[in-house]
Structure formats: structure tokens, C-alpha cells
């Protein structure tokens, strides 16, 4: 792998971690502060806001906290992770 590929992978993983944290906390603003991002992110030219995250949740039928928790438990149960 080239250095650019490693850098890109690390950046993508950090962004994914932010979205996972925001999902778990149900608070994009706090997750952004914890991860050191402004509330509105500029990810390679794509703006991601709390409304954008909410839209993604809605498309994946994860609008309610209960739905997200069920998905979270299913994911971690499938991959033998401990909650």
C-alpha cells in the first residue's frame, strides 16, 4: 500500500468512528466536539450535518433510538463483540 492509501484509510476510519459515536450518543454535536470536528463537517467536499446524519438514519429505518439500539446489538452479536 502506498502512503496516500494509508492516509486515506485512516481518514475514512476516523470519519466512520465519528458517525458511530454520534449514533451511539444520539448527539452529533457532542460527538463532533469529542472527535475534534466542527458540527458541520467537510468530508472531501461533501458536507455532513446533523440533518444529513438523520436522513441516513431514516433511509436505513433507524430513525428512533430503539431501532438504532436493536441494530447496534444485532451488529455486535453477529461479530461476537461484547457490548
N, C-alpha and C. Protein backbone atom coordinates (compact mmCIF):
# COMPACT_ATOMS: atom_id res chain seq x y z
N UNK A 1 0.83 -1.19 0.00
CA UNK A 1 0.00 0.00 0.00
C UNK A 1 0.87 1.24 0.00
N UNK A 2 0.39 2.23 -0.68
CA UNK A 2 1.12 3.49 -0.69
C UNK A 2 0.77 4.31 0.54
N UNK A 3 1.58 5.29 0.79
CA UNK A 3 1.33 6.19 1.93
C UNK A 3 0.00 6.91 1.76
N UNK A 4 -0.32 7.34 0.54
CA UNK A 4 -1.59 8.03 0.30
C UNK A 4 -2.77 7.13 0.63
N UNK A 5 -2.66 5.85 0.30
CA UNK A 5 -3.73 4.91 0.60
C UNK A 5 -3.89 4.76 2.12
N UNK A 6 -2.78 4.64 2.83
CA UNK A 6 -2.84 4.53 4.29
C UNK A 6 -3.47 5.76 4.92
N UNK A 7 -3.09 6.92 4.44
CA UNK A 7 -3.64 8.18 4.96
C UNK A 7 -5.14 8.24 4.68
N UNK A 8 -5.54 7.88 3.48
CA UNK A 8 -6.95 7.91 3.11
C UNK A 8 -7.76 6.92 3.96
N UNK A 9 -7.19 5.74 4.21
CA UNK A 9 -7.88 4.74 5.03
C UNK A 9 -8.03 5.22 6.47
N UNK A 10 -6.99 5.83 7.00
CA UNK A 10 -7.06 6.36 8.37
C UNK A 10 -8.09 7.47 8.47
N UNK A 11 -8.14 8.34 7.47
CA UNK A 11 -9.11 9.43 7.47
C UNK A 11 -10.54 8.89 7.37
N UNK A 12 -10.73 7.90 6.52
CA UNK A 12 -12.06 7.30 6.38
C UNK A 12 -12.48 6.61 7.67
N UNK A 13 -11.55 5.92 8.31
CA UNK A 13 -11.86 5.23 9.56
C UNK A 13 -12.23 6.23 10.66
N UNK A 14 -11.53 7.35 10.70
CA UNK A 14 -11.84 8.38 11.70
C UNK A 14 -13.24 8.95 11.48
N UNK A 15 -13.60 9.17 10.23
CA UNK A 15 -14.93 9.68 9.91
C UNK A 15 -16.01 8.66 10.28
N UNK A 16 -15.73 7.40 10.00
CA UNK A 16 -16.68 6.35 10.38
C UNK A 16 -16.82 6.27 11.90
N UNK A 17 -15.70 6.39 12.61
CA UNK A 17 -15.75 6.40 14.07
C UNK A 17 -16.62 7.54 14.58
N UNK A 18 -16.52 8.69 13.94
CA UNK A 18 -17.34 9.83 14.34
C UNK A 18 -18.82 9.51 14.16
N UNK A 19 -19.18 8.94 13.02
CA UNK A 19 -20.59 8.60 12.78
C UNK A 19 -21.08 7.54 13.76
N UNK A 20 -20.25 6.57 14.08
CA UNK A 20 -20.63 5.54 15.06
C UNK A 20 -20.81 6.15 16.44
N UNK A 21 -19.92 7.05 16.82
CA UNK A 21 -20.03 7.71 18.11
C UNK A 21 -21.30 8.56 18.16
N UNK A 22 -21.57 9.31 17.10
CA UNK A 22 -22.77 10.13 17.03
C UNK A 22 -24.02 9.26 17.13
N UNK A 23 -23.99 8.12 16.48
CA UNK A 23 -25.11 7.19 16.54
C UNK A 23 -25.31 6.70 17.97
N UNK A 24 -24.26 6.29 18.62
CA UNK A 24 -24.35 5.78 19.98
C UNK A 24 -24.78 6.83 20.99
N UNK A 25 -24.32 8.06 20.79
CA UNK A 25 -24.64 9.14 21.71
C UNK A 25 -25.98 9.80 21.38
N UNK A 26 -26.45 9.59 20.15
CA UNK A 26 -27.62 10.27 19.63
C UNK A 26 -27.46 11.79 19.70
N UNK A 27 -26.23 12.25 19.54
CA UNK A 27 -25.96 13.68 19.58
C UNK A 27 -24.75 13.96 18.71
N UNK A 28 -25.02 14.46 17.51
CA UNK A 28 -23.96 14.73 16.55
C UNK A 28 -23.02 15.82 17.06
N UNK A 29 -23.59 16.87 17.66
CA UNK A 29 -22.77 17.99 18.13
C UNK A 29 -21.75 17.53 19.16
N UNK A 30 -22.19 16.75 20.15
CA UNK A 30 -21.26 16.29 21.19
C UNK A 30 -20.22 15.34 20.61
N UNK A 31 -20.64 14.48 19.70
CA UNK A 31 -19.69 13.55 19.07
C UNK A 31 -18.64 14.32 18.29
N UNK A 32 -19.06 15.36 17.57
CA UNK A 32 -18.11 16.18 16.82
C UNK A 32 -17.13 16.87 17.75
N UNK A 33 -17.62 17.39 18.87
CA UNK A 33 -16.73 18.04 19.83
C UNK A 33 -15.72 17.05 20.40
N UNK A 34 -16.19 15.84 20.74
CA UNK A 34 -15.29 14.82 21.29
C UNK A 34 -14.21 14.44 20.29
N UNK A 35 -14.60 14.31 19.02
CA UNK A 35 -13.67 13.89 17.98
C UNK A 35 -12.85 15.05 17.41
N UNK A 36 -13.17 16.28 17.82
CA UNK A 36 -12.40 17.42 17.37
C UNK A 36 -12.83 17.99 16.04
N UNK A 37 -14.08 17.80 15.65
CA UNK A 37 -14.63 18.34 14.42
C UNK A 37 -15.61 19.45 14.75
N UNK A 38 -15.79 20.36 13.81
CA UNK A 38 -16.88 21.33 13.91
C UNK A 38 -18.18 20.57 13.69
N UNK A 39 -19.31 21.15 14.13
CA UNK A 39 -20.59 20.46 13.98
C UNK A 39 -20.86 20.10 12.53
N UNK A 40 -20.58 21.00 11.63
CA UNK A 40 -20.79 20.72 10.21
C UNK A 40 -19.45 20.34 9.61
N UNK A 41 -19.35 19.15 9.09
CA UNK A 41 -18.09 18.62 8.59
C UNK A 41 -17.97 18.83 7.09
N UNK A 42 -16.76 18.97 6.65
CA UNK A 42 -16.48 19.00 5.23
C UNK A 42 -15.60 17.79 4.95
N UNK A 43 -16.21 16.73 4.46
CA UNK A 43 -15.51 15.47 4.21
C UNK A 43 -15.27 15.32 2.71
N UNK A 44 -14.10 15.70 2.28
CA UNK A 44 -13.70 15.62 0.88
C UNK A 44 -14.76 16.25 -0.02
N UNK A 45 -15.18 17.46 0.33
CA UNK A 45 -16.13 18.19 -0.48
C UNK A 45 -17.58 17.88 -0.21
N UNK A 46 -17.87 16.94 0.67
CA UNK A 46 -19.25 16.58 0.99
C UNK A 46 -19.54 17.08 2.40
N UNK A 47 -20.55 17.92 2.53
CA UNK A 47 -20.90 18.46 3.83
C UNK A 47 -21.82 17.48 4.55
N UNK A 48 -21.49 17.16 5.79
CA UNK A 48 -22.29 16.26 6.61
C UNK A 48 -22.74 17.03 7.83
N UNK A 49 -24.04 17.15 8.01
CA UNK A 49 -24.58 17.86 9.16
C UNK A 49 -25.44 16.92 9.97
N UNK A 50 -25.94 17.40 11.09
CA UNK A 50 -26.80 16.56 11.92
C UNK A 50 -28.05 16.14 11.13
N UNK A 51 -28.57 17.04 10.30
CA UNK A 51 -29.71 16.69 9.46
C UNK A 51 -29.37 15.62 8.44
N UNK A 52 -28.14 15.68 7.93
CA UNK A 52 -27.70 14.66 6.98
C UNK A 52 -27.58 13.30 7.62
N UNK A 53 -27.06 13.27 8.84
CA UNK A 53 -26.97 12.00 9.58
C UNK A 53 -28.36 11.47 9.85
N UNK A 54 -29.27 12.37 10.24
CA UNK A 54 -30.66 11.96 10.48
C UNK A 54 -31.30 11.39 9.23
N UNK A 55 -30.98 11.97 8.08
CA UNK A 55 -31.50 11.46 6.81
C UNK A 55 -31.00 10.06 6.51
N UNK A 56 -29.73 9.83 6.79
CA UNK A 56 -29.16 8.48 6.58
C UNK A 56 -29.85 7.50 7.51
N UNK A 57 -30.03 7.88 8.77
CA UNK A 57 -30.72 7.00 9.71
C UNK A 57 -32.12 6.68 9.20
N UNK A 58 -32.81 7.68 8.69
CA UNK A 58 -34.17 7.49 8.20
C UNK A 58 -34.20 6.52 7.02
N UNK A 59 -33.27 6.68 6.08
CA UNK A 59 -33.22 5.79 4.92
C UNK A 59 -32.97 4.34 5.31
N UNK A 60 -32.25 4.15 6.41
CA UNK A 60 -31.93 2.80 6.86
C UNK A 60 -32.86 2.32 7.97
N UNK A 61 -34.00 3.03 8.10
CA UNK A 61 -35.02 2.69 9.10
C UNK A 61 -34.43 2.65 10.50
N UNK A 62 -33.63 3.68 10.81
CA UNK A 62 -33.01 3.79 12.13
C UNK A 62 -33.36 5.14 12.77
N UNK A 63 -34.56 5.63 12.50
CA UNK A 63 -34.95 6.95 12.98
C UNK A 63 -35.08 7.02 14.49
N UNK A 64 -35.55 5.97 15.10
CA UNK A 64 -35.75 6.02 16.55
C UNK A 64 -34.53 5.44 17.29
N UNK A 65 -34.38 5.86 18.50
CA UNK A 65 -33.28 5.35 19.33
C UNK A 65 -33.40 3.83 19.48
N UNK A 66 -34.62 3.36 19.66
CA UNK A 66 -34.85 1.92 19.82
C UNK A 66 -34.36 1.14 18.60
N UNK A 67 -34.68 1.63 17.40
CA UNK A 67 -34.24 0.97 16.17
C UNK A 67 -32.72 0.93 16.08
N UNK A 68 -32.07 2.04 16.45
CA UNK A 68 -30.61 2.08 16.39
C UNK A 68 -29.99 1.15 17.41
N UNK A 69 -30.55 1.07 18.60
CA UNK A 69 -30.03 0.16 19.61
C UNK A 69 -30.18 -1.30 19.19
N UNK A 70 -31.32 -1.63 18.60
CA UNK A 70 -31.51 -3.00 18.10
C UNK A 70 -30.48 -3.34 17.03
N UNK A 71 -30.24 -2.39 16.12
CA UNK A 71 -29.24 -2.61 15.07
C UNK A 71 -27.86 -2.75 15.68
N UNK A 72 -27.56 -1.93 16.65
CA UNK A 72 -26.28 -1.97 17.35
C UNK A 72 -26.07 -3.35 18.00
N UNK A 73 -27.09 -3.83 18.71
CA UNK A 73 -26.99 -5.14 19.36
C UNK A 73 -26.85 -6.25 18.33
N UNK A 74 -27.59 -6.15 17.24
CA UNK A 74 -27.50 -7.17 16.19
C UNK A 74 -26.10 -7.21 15.59
N UNK A 75 -25.56 -6.04 15.30
CA UNK A 75 -24.22 -5.96 14.71
C UNK A 75 -23.18 -6.58 15.64
N UNK A 76 -23.18 -6.17 16.88
CA UNK A 76 -22.18 -6.68 17.80
C UNK A 76 -22.40 -8.14 18.15
N UNK A 77 -23.63 -8.60 18.15
CA UNK A 77 -23.91 -10.01 18.37
C UNK A 77 -23.42 -10.87 17.22
N UNK A 78 -23.57 -10.36 16.01
CA UNK A 78 -23.16 -11.08 14.80
C UNK A 78 -21.65 -11.25 14.76
N UNK A 79 -20.92 -10.24 15.18
CA UNK A 79 -19.47 -10.27 15.08
C UNK A 79 -18.79 -10.64 16.40
N UNK A 80 -19.56 -11.21 17.33
CA UNK A 80 -19.04 -11.69 18.61
C UNK A 80 -18.29 -10.63 19.39
N UNK A 81 -18.80 -9.42 19.37
CA UNK A 81 -18.22 -8.36 20.17
C UNK A 81 -19.02 -8.25 21.45
N UNK A 82 -18.42 -7.74 22.47
CA UNK A 82 -19.12 -7.55 23.72
C UNK A 82 -19.55 -6.10 23.83
N UNK A 83 -20.75 -5.92 24.32
CA UNK A 83 -21.29 -4.57 24.50
C UNK A 83 -20.94 -4.10 25.89
